[in-house]
Amino acid sequence: MKHLTLLAGCIFIALTGCNVGTTNTPLPTLETATTPQPSFTPPPLPTLTPTAVIISAQVTAEIINCRLGPGTIFETVTEIQQGKTLRVTGRNDASTWFYVHDPGNPGNFCWVSSDVTQIISEANILPIIPPPVAMVTNIDLRVEPNRIVVACNQFPQTVFFEALITTNGPTLFTWKWEISTGVTSNVGTLVFQEAGTQAINEFYQINSANNYWVKLYVLTPNEMVEQVNFPVTCT
């Protein structure tokens, strides 16, 4: 019996000793993958367009002139009858002239005086509109004489140039002449106090027979060119 007890004790010790020095293997660390979330960009706010101010005006005179600019110094664009209702979209700084839809030319505008209209609202809510820049609208160029036939021993001959210049308002008009012989004049200056027509003149001496031309260059307020031909022959 003593031998069995010892054997059992040895077996117990052996089994117990088998667990001595056993190393536990750590589990691998799991890394959590983070998926980036899409960023939110708010849509742009709509651009607000200011609403144009439009008020009404009644024509109080029998016939009024609707002009290119704010003043009688500008040319008349349209005549408007008494009782007509106008759509007003602007004014001058003093509120003495109103910028209206031109009833005679749809899509265009013109100016009427406050003296011959009655505004159906407060004029100061209207925006201030700057006056237009007046332009040269017509050139009537003439040469006198416009044809020369002379004996060949009768040179030089003098020709005269005249141009009637029309503007649609007050402006500073500048110009120069050019002859087909290569001669160019100095720059001329003329002030228009109001819309209308004024004349400018020049002369030139012809020394031989030829086909000549003269050009008038409008330099300001806008650029234009007008040409007239004049033949000169001799016998």
C-alpha atoms as a PDB file:
ATOM      1  CA  MET A   1       0.000   0.000   0.000  1.00  0.00           C
ATOM      2  CA  LYS A   2       2.876   2.334   0.657  1.00  0.00           C
ATOM      3  CA  HIS A   3       4.152   1.794  -2.892  1.00  0.00           C
ATOM      4  CA  LEU A   4       0.807   2.692  -4.427  1.00  0.00           C
ATOM      5  CA  THR A   5       0.528   5.844  -2.433  1.00  0.00           C
ATOM      6  CA  LEU A   6       3.976   6.962  -3.488  1.00  0.00           C
ATOM      7  CA  LEU A   7       3.241   6.188  -7.113  1.00  0.00           C
ATOM      8  CA  ALA A   8       0.066   8.181  -6.969  1.00  0.00           C
ATOM      9  CA  GLY A   9       1.892  11.071  -5.414  1.00  0.00           C
ATOM     10  CA  CYS A  10       4.536  10.938  -8.111  1.00  0.00           C
ATOM     11  CA  ILE A  11       1.914  10.939 -10.807  1.00  0.00           C
ATOM     12  CA  PHE A  12       0.251  13.976  -9.213  1.00  0.00           C
ATOM     13  CA  ILE A  13       3.571  15.817  -9.017  1.00  0.00           C
ATOM     14  CA  ALA A  14       4.387  14.925 -12.606  1.00  0.00           C
ATOM     15  CA  LEU A  15       1.065  16.136 -13.867  1.00  0.00           C
ATOM     16  CA  THR A  16       1.313  19.294 -11.877  1.00  0.00           C
ATOM     17  CA  GLY A  17       4.845  19.924 -13.070  1.00  0.00           C
ATOM     18  CA  CYS A  18       3.758  19.793 -16.680  1.00  0.00           C
ATOM     19  CA  ASN A  19       2.077  23.222 -16.307  1.00  0.00           C
ATOM     20  CA  VAL A  20       5.150  24.931 -14.874  1.00  0.00           C
ATOM     21  CA  GLY A  21       6.828  27.361 -17.309  1.00  0.00           C
ATOM     22  CA  THR A  22       3.968  27.435 -19.850  1.00  0.00           C
ATOM     23  CA  THR A  23       3.928  30.846 -21.810  1.00  0.00           C
ATOM     24  CA  ASN A  24       0.585  32.309 -23.000  1.00  0.00           C
ATOM     25  CA  THR A  25       0.755  33.652 -26.665  1.00  0.00           C
ATOM     26  CA  PRO A  26      -0.897  37.140 -26.840  1.00  0.00           C
ATOM     27  CA  LEU A  27      -3.725  37.608 -29.316  1.00  0.00           C
ATOM     28  CA  PRO A  28      -3.008  39.965 -32.298  1.00  0.00           C
ATOM     29  CA  THR A  29      -4.242  43.552 -31.920  1.00  0.00           C
ATOM     30  CA  LEU A  30      -7.023  44.372 -34.392  1.00  0.00           C
ATOM     31  CA  GLU A  31      -6.896  47.835 -35.939  1.00  0.00           C
ATOM     32  CA  THR A  32     -10.237  49.383 -36.827  1.00  0.00           C
ATOM     33  CA  ALA A  33     -10.267  50.798 -40.402  1.00  0.00           C
ATOM     34  CA  THR A  34     -12.025  54.194 -40.509  1.00  0.00           C
ATOM     35  CA  THR A  35     -13.733  55.070 -43.809  1.00  0.00           C
ATOM     36  CA  PRO A  36     -13.598  58.885 -44.396  1.00  0.00           C
ATOM     37  CA  GLN A  37     -17.040  60.452 -44.676  1.00  0.00           C
ATOM     38  CA  PRO A  38     -17.648  62.717 -47.708  1.00  0.00           C
ATOM     39  CA  SER A  39     -17.605  66.419 -46.785  1.00  0.00           C
ATOM     40  CA  PHE A  40     -20.784  68.404 -47.413  1.00  0.00           C
ATOM     41  CA  THR A  41     -20.449  71.585 -49.487  1.00  0.00           C
ATOM     42  CA  PRO A  42     -23.533  73.776 -49.293  1.00  0.00           C
ATOM     43  CA  PRO A  43     -24.822  74.977 -52.682  1.00  0.00           C
ATOM     44  CA  PRO A  44     -24.118  78.656 -53.510  1.00  0.00           C
ATOM     45  CA  LEU A  45     -26.857  81.078 -52.669  1.00  0.00           C
ATOM     46  CA  PRO A  46     -28.637  82.560 -55.697  1.00  0.00           C
ATOM     47  CA  THR A  47     -27.587  86.077 -56.712  1.00  0.00           C
ATOM     48  CA  LEU A  48     -30.431  88.479 -56.216  1.00  0.00           C
ATOM     49  CA  THR A  49     -30.964  90.917 -59.079  1.00  0.00           C
ATOM     50  CA  PRO A  50     -32.313  94.271 -57.898  1.00  0.00           C
ATOM     51  CA  THR A  51     -35.759  94.991 -59.213  1.00  0.00           C
ATOM     52  CA  ALA A  52     -35.960  98.029 -61.477  1.00  0.00           C
ATOM     53  CA  VAL A  53     -38.052 100.862 -60.105  1.00  0.00           C
ATOM     54  CA  ILE A  54     -40.844 101.845 -62.486  1.00  0.00           C
ATOM     55  CA  ILE A  55     -43.495 104.439 -61.705  1.00  0.00           C
ATOM     56  CA  SER A  56     -46.096 106.154 -63.874  1.00  0.00           C
ATOM     57  CA  ALA A  57     -46.358 109.710 -65.144  1.00  0.00           C
ATOM     58  CA  GLN A  58     -49.204 111.473 -66.904  1.00  0.00           C
ATOM     59  CA  VAL A  59     -48.628 113.919 -69.777  1.00  0.00           C
ATOM     60  CA  THR A  60     -50.298 117.209 -68.790  1.00  0.00           C
ATOM     61  CA  ALA A  61     -49.460 119.445 -71.779  1.00  0.00           C
ATOM     62  CA  GLU A  62     -51.139 119.210 -75.182  1.00  0.00           C
ATOM     63  CA  ILE A  63     -48.006 117.910 -76.917  1.00  0.00           C
ATOM     64  CA  ILE A  64     -44.626 117.342 -75.285  1.00  0.00           C
ATOM     65  CA  ASN A  65     -41.182 116.550 -76.659  1.00  0.00           C
ATOM     66  CA  CYS A  66     -39.416 113.432 -75.458  1.00  0.00           C
ATOM     67  CA  ARG A  67     -35.716 114.207 -75.898  1.00  0.00           C
ATOM     68  CA  LEU A  68     -32.434 112.361 -76.210  1.00  0.00           C
ATOM     69  CA  GLY A  69     -31.182 113.879 -72.943  1.00  0.00           C
ATOM     70  CA  PRO A  70     -32.386 115.837 -69.902  1.00  0.00           C
ATOM     71  CA  GLY A  71     -32.755 119.318 -71.368  1.00  0.00           C
ATOM     72  CA  THR A  72     -34.006 121.303 -74.329  1.00  0.00           C
ATOM     73  CA  ILE A  73     -30.393 121.366 -75.555  1.00  0.00           C
ATOM     74  CA  PHE A  74     -30.896 117.766 -76.732  1.00  0.00           C
ATOM     75  CA  GLU A  75     -32.741 116.846 -79.907  1.00  0.00           C
ATOM     76  CA  THR A  76     -36.364 115.723 -79.862  1.00  0.00           C
ATOM     77  CA  VAL A  77     -36.841 111.988 -80.315  1.00  0.00           C
ATOM     78  CA  THR A  78     -40.626 111.604 -80.007  1.00  0.00           C
ATOM     79  CA  GLU A  79     -43.683 113.836 -79.629  1.00  0.00           C
ATOM     80  CA  ILE A  80     -46.233 112.633 -77.063  1.00  0.00           C
ATOM     81  CA  GLN A  81     -49.896 113.626 -76.835  1.00  0.00           C
ATOM     82  CA  GLN A  82     -51.657 114.893 -73.714  1.00  0.00           C
ATOM     83  CA  GLY A  83     -53.145 112.215 -71.458  1.00  0.00           C
ATOM     84  CA  LYS A  84     -50.568 109.580 -72.340  1.00  0.00           C
ATOM     85  CA  THR A  85     -49.332 107.479 -69.402  1.00  0.00           C
ATOM     86  CA  LEU A  86     -45.566 107.010 -69.386  1.00  0.00           C
ATOM     87  CA  ARG A  87     -43.410 104.413 -67.635  1.00  0.00           C
ATOM     88  CA  VAL A  88     -40.696 106.266 -65.724  1.00  0.00           C
ATOM     89  CA  THR A  89     -37.484 104.411 -64.823  1.00  0.00           C
ATOM     90  CA  GLY A  90     -35.097 107.214 -63.842  1.00  0.00           C
ATOM     91  CA  ARG A  91     -34.487 110.918 -63.302  1.00  0.00           C
ATOM     92  CA  ASN A  92     -31.767 113.546 -63.415  1.00  0.00           C
ATOM     93  CA  ASP A  93     -30.075 114.744 -60.237  1.00  0.00           C
ATOM     94  CA  ALA A  94     -32.491 117.658 -59.751  1.00  0.00           C
ATOM     95  CA  SER A  95     -35.591 115.565 -60.581  1.00  0.00           C
ATOM     96  CA  THR A  96     -36.523 118.112 -63.255  1.00  0.00           C
ATOM     97  CA  TRP A  97     -36.354 115.555 -66.075  1.00  0.00           C
ATOM     98  CA  PHE A  98     -37.571 111.963 -66.149  1.00  0.00           C
ATOM     99  CA  TYR A  99     -36.171 109.003 -68.076  1.00  0.00           C
ATOM    100  CA  VAL A 100     -39.091 107.132 -69.662  1.00  0.00           C
ATOM    101  CA  HIS A 101     -39.821 104.284 -72.035  1.00  0.00           C
ATOM    102  CA  ASP A 102     -40.126 105.879 -75.481  1.00  0.00           C
ATOM    103  CA  PRO A 103     -43.711 105.195 -76.615  1.00  0.00           C
ATOM    104  CA  GLY A 104     -42.775 105.966 -80.217  1.00  0.00           C
ATOM    105  CA  ASN A 105     -39.769 103.634 -80.341  1.00  0.00           C
ATOM    106  CA  PRO A 106     -40.381 100.427 -78.356  1.00  0.00           C
ATOM    107  CA  GLY A 107     -37.294  99.240 -76.512  1.00  0.00           C
ATOM    108  CA  ASN A 108     -35.763 102.728 -76.377  1.00  0.00           C
ATOM    109  CA  PHE A 109     -35.834 105.520 -73.819  1.00  0.00           C
ATOM    110  CA  CYS A 110     -36.080 109.314 -73.850  1.00  0.00           C
ATOM    111  CA  TRP A 111     -36.403 112.233 -71.428  1.00  0.00           C
ATOM    112  CA  VAL A 112     -39.453 114.343 -70.553  1.00  0.00           C
ATOM    113  CA  SER A 113     -39.612 117.511 -68.469  1.00  0.00           C
ATOM    114  CA  SER A 114     -41.264 117.481 -65.044  1.00  0.00           C
ATOM    115  CA  ASP A 115     -43.006 120.734 -66.050  1.00  0.00           C
ATOM    116  CA  VAL A 116     -45.244 118.918 -68.541  1.00  0.00           C
ATOM    117  CA  THR A 117     -45.799 115.656 -66.650  1.00  0.00           C
ATOM    118  CA  GLN A 118     -47.301 114.579 -63.348  1.00  0.00           C
ATOM    119  CA  ILE A 119     -45.589 111.768 -61.449  1.00  0.00           C
ATOM    120  CA  ILE A 120     -47.953 109.305 -59.760  1.00  0.00           C
ATOM    121  CA  SER A 121     -45.533 108.520 -56.905  1.00  0.00           C
ATOM    122  CA  GLU A 122     -42.437 109.900 -55.179  1.00  0.00           C
ATOM    123  CA  ALA A 123     -39.759 110.852 -57.710  1.00  0.00           C
ATOM    124  CA  ASN A 124     -36.902 110.406 -55.233  1.00  0.00           C
ATOM    125  CA  ILE A 125     -37.262 106.618 -55.313  1.00  0.00           C
ATOM    126  CA  LEU A 126     -36.100 106.647 -58.943  1.00  0.00           C
ATOM    127  CA  PRO A 127     -32.406 106.072 -59.733  1.00  0.00           C
ATOM    128  CA  ILE A 128     -30.365 108.981 -61.128  1.00  0.00           C
ATOM    129  CA  ILE A 129     -29.516 108.409 -64.809  1.00  0.00           C
ATOM    130  CA  PRO A 130     -26.475 110.212 -66.302  1.00  0.00           C
ATOM    131  CA  PRO A 131     -27.093 112.230 -69.478  1.00  0.00           C
ATOM    132  CA  PRO A 132     -25.984 110.719 -72.793  1.00  0.00           C
ATOM    133  CA  VAL A 133     -22.905 111.813 -74.723  1.00  0.00           C
ATOM    134  CA  ALA A 134     -24.000 113.853 -77.748  1.00  0.00           C
ATOM    135  CA  MET A 135     -22.745 112.721 -81.157  1.00  0.00           C
ATOM    136  CA  VAL A 136     -22.273 114.020 -84.679  1.00  0.00           C
ATOM    137  CA  THR A 137     -25.190 112.476 -86.530  1.00  0.00           C
ATOM    138  CA  ASN A 138     -24.815 113.912 -90.038  1.00  0.00           C
ATOM    139  CA  ILE A 139     -22.256 115.541 -92.365  1.00  0.00           C
ATOM    140  CA  ASP A 140     -23.268 117.362 -95.554  1.00  0.00           C
ATOM    141  CA  LEU A 141     -20.012 118.026 -97.456  1.00  0.00           C
ATOM    142  CA  ARG A 142     -19.933 120.168-100.604  1.00  0.00           C
ATOM    143  CA  VAL A 143     -17.239 121.448-102.996  1.00  0.00           C
ATOM    144  CA  GLU A 144     -17.706 124.668-104.974  1.00  0.00           C
ATOM    145  CA  PRO A 145     -17.271 124.445-107.872  1.00  0.00           C
ATOM    146  CA  ASN A 146     -17.730 120.679-107.908  1.00  0.00           C
ATOM    147  CA  ARG A 147     -16.261 120.462-111.438  1.00  0.00           C
ATOM    148  CA  ILE A 148     -13.681 122.719-113.098  1.00  0.00           C
ATOM    149  CA  VAL A 149     -12.966 123.025-116.833  1.00  0.00           C
ATOM    150  CA  VAL A 150     -10.497 125.794-117.732  1.00  0.00           C
ATOM    151  CA  ALA A 151      -7.751 126.597-120.170  1.00  0.00           C
ATOM    152  CA  CYS A 152      -4.483 124.980-119.177  1.00  0.00           C
ATOM    153  CA  ASN A 153      -2.878 128.417-118.689  1.00  0.00           C
ATOM    154  CA  GLN A 154      -5.539 129.461-116.162  1.00  0.00           C
ATOM    155  CA  PHE A 155      -4.105 127.794-113.073  1.00  0.00           C
ATOM    156  CA  PRO A 156      -4.154 128.077-110.123  1.00  0.00           C
ATOM    157  CA  GLN A 157      -7.875 127.665-109.479  1.00  0.00           C
ATOM    158  CA  THR A 158      -9.484 127.988-106.032  1.00  0.00           C
ATOM    159  CA  VAL A 159     -12.051 125.520-104.713  1.00  0.00           C
ATOM    160  CA  PHE A 160     -14.128 126.009-101.569  1.00  0.00           C
ATOM    161  CA  PHE A 161     -15.174 123.291 -99.148  1.00  0.00           C
ATOM    162  CA  GLU A 162     -18.177 123.568 -96.849  1.00  0.00           C
ATOM    163  CA  ALA A 163     -19.513 120.994 -94.406  1.00  0.00           C
ATOM    164  CA  LEU A 164     -22.776 121.243 -92.485  1.00  0.00           C
ATOM    165  CA  ILE A 165     -22.315 119.378 -89.203  1.00  0.00           C
ATOM    166  CA  THR A 166     -25.336 118.152 -87.219  1.00  0.00           C
ATOM    167  CA  THR A 167     -25.207 116.957 -83.606  1.00  0.00           C
ATOM    168  CA  ASN A 168     -27.929 115.580 -81.339  1.00  0.00           C
ATOM    169  CA  GLY A 169     -26.849 117.570 -78.295  1.00  0.00           C
ATOM    170  CA  PRO A 170     -24.186 119.818 -76.748  1.00  0.00           C
ATOM    171  CA  THR A 171     -20.659 118.670 -77.513  1.00  0.00           C
ATOM    172  CA  LEU A 172     -17.121 119.616 -78.495  1.00  0.00           C
ATOM    173  CA  PHE A 173     -16.609 118.951 -82.211  1.00  0.00           C
ATOM    174  CA  THR A 174     -13.078 118.573 -83.636  1.00  0.00           C
ATOM    175  CA  TRP A 175     -12.076 117.804 -87.234  1.00  0.00           C
ATOM    176  CA  LYS A 176      -9.411 117.999 -89.939  1.00  0.00           C
ATOM    177  CA  TRP A 177      -9.351 118.192 -93.758  1.00  0.00           C
ATOM    178  CA  GLU A 178      -7.306 116.080 -96.152  1.00  0.00           C
ATOM    179  CA  ILE A 179      -6.803 116.662 -99.908  1.00  0.00           C
ATOM    180  CA  SER A 180      -5.827 113.971-102.403  1.00  0.00           C
ATOM    181  CA  THR A 181      -2.576 115.867-103.019  1.00  0.00           C
ATOM    182  CA  GLY A 182      -1.458 114.849 -99.512  1.00  0.00           C
ATOM    183  CA  VAL A 183      -2.156 118.172 -97.818  1.00  0.00           C
ATOM    184  CA  THR A 184      -3.722 117.899 -94.340  1.00  0.00           C
ATOM    185  CA  SER A 185      -5.114 120.791 -92.316  1.00  0.00           C
ATOM    186  CA  ASN A 186      -4.623 121.533 -88.639  1.00  0.00           C
ATOM    187  CA  VAL A 187      -7.243 120.247 -86.199  1.00  0.00           C
ATOM    188  CA  GLY A 188     -10.250 122.560 -85.926  1.00  0.00           C
ATOM    189  CA  THR A 189     -12.492 122.979 -82.877  1.00  0.00           C
ATOM    190  CA  LEU A 190     -16.128 124.029 -82.626  1.00  0.00           C
ATOM    191  CA  VAL A 191     -18.403 124.038 -79.566  1.00  0.00           C
ATOM    192  CA  PHE A 192     -22.052 123.030 -79.936  1.00  0.00           C
ATOM    193  CA  GLN A 193     -24.067 124.534 -77.089  1.00  0.00           C
ATOM    194  CA  GLU A 194     -27.112 122.503 -78.110  1.00  0.00           C
ATOM    195  CA  ALA A 195     -28.362 120.083 -80.734  1.00  0.00           C
ATOM    196  CA  GLY A 196     -28.357 121.575 -84.216  1.00  0.00           C
ATOM    197  CA  THR A 197     -26.345 122.244 -87.379  1.00  0.00           C
ATOM    198  CA  GLN A 198     -23.316 124.466 -87.891  1.00  0.00           C
ATOM    199  CA  ALA A 199     -21.090 125.072 -90.930  1.00  0.00           C
ATOM    200  CA  ILE A 200     -17.324 124.838 -91.295  1.00  0.00           C
ATOM    201  CA  ASN A 201     -15.406 126.080 -94.365  1.00  0.00           C
ATOM    202  CA  GLU A 202     -12.026 125.732 -96.051  1.00  0.00           C
ATOM    203  CA  PHE A 203     -10.480 126.537 -99.451  1.00  0.00           C
ATOM    204  CA  TYR A 204      -7.662 125.140-101.558  1.00  0.00           C
ATOM    205  CA  GLN A 205      -5.744 126.166-104.689  1.00  0.00           C
ATOM    206  CA  ILE A 206      -5.565 123.714-107.578  1.00  0.00           C
ATOM    207  CA  ASN A 207      -2.459 124.008-109.760  1.00  0.00           C
ATOM    208  CA  SER A 208      -3.118 121.397-112.433  1.00  0.00           C
ATOM    209  CA  ALA A 209      -5.730 119.205-114.026  1.00  0.00           C
ATOM    210  CA  ASN A 210      -6.517 115.965-112.215  1.00  0.00           C
ATOM    211  CA  ASN A 211      -9.232 113.995-110.451  1.00  0.00           C
ATOM    212  CA  TYR A 212      -9.216 115.292-106.880  1.00  0.00           C
ATOM    213  CA  TRP A 213     -10.978 114.419-103.646  1.00  0.00           C
ATOM    214  CA  VAL A 214     -11.368 116.057-100.270  1.00  0.00           C
ATOM    215  CA  LYS A 215     -12.030 114.237 -96.994  1.00  0.00           C
ATOM    216  CA  LEU A 216     -13.408 115.585 -93.748  1.00  0.00           C
ATOM    217  CA  TYR A 217     -12.401 113.615 -90.661  1.00  0.00           C
ATOM    218  CA  VAL A 218     -14.582 114.008 -87.574  1.00  0.00           C
ATOM    219  CA  LEU A 219     -12.301 113.341 -84.599  1.00  0.00           C
ATOM    220  CA  THR A 220     -14.614 114.004 -81.638  1.00  0.00           C
ATOM    221  CA  PRO A 221     -17.083 113.360 -80.114  1.00  0.00           C
ATOM    222  CA  ASN A 222     -17.274 110.338 -82.421  1.00  0.00           C
ATOM    223  CA  GLU A 223     -15.264 109.359 -85.480  1.00  0.00           C
ATOM    224  CA  MET A 224     -16.650 109.776 -88.996  1.00  0.00           C
ATOM    225  CA  VAL A 225     -15.220 110.342 -92.481  1.00  0.00           C
ATOM    226  CA  GLU A 226     -16.931 112.039 -95.428  1.00  0.00           C
ATOM    227  CA  GLN A 227     -15.446 112.326 -98.944  1.00  0.00           C
ATOM    228  CA  VAL A 228     -16.348 114.271-102.093  1.00  0.00           C
ATOM    229  CA  ASN A 229     -14.640 113.900-105.485  1.00  0.00           C
ATOM    230  CA  PHE A 230     -14.208 116.793-107.921  1.00  0.00           C
ATOM    231  CA  PRO A 231     -12.603 116.572-111.382  1.00  0.00           C
ATOM    232  CA  VAL A 232     -10.436 119.365-112.812  1.00  0.00           C
ATOM    233  CA  THR A 233      -9.686 119.391-116.543  1.00  0.00           C
ATOM    234  CA  CYS A 234      -8.030 121.870-118.883  1.00  0.00           C
ATOM    235  CA  THR A 235      -8.108 122.435-122.631  1.00  0.00           C
END
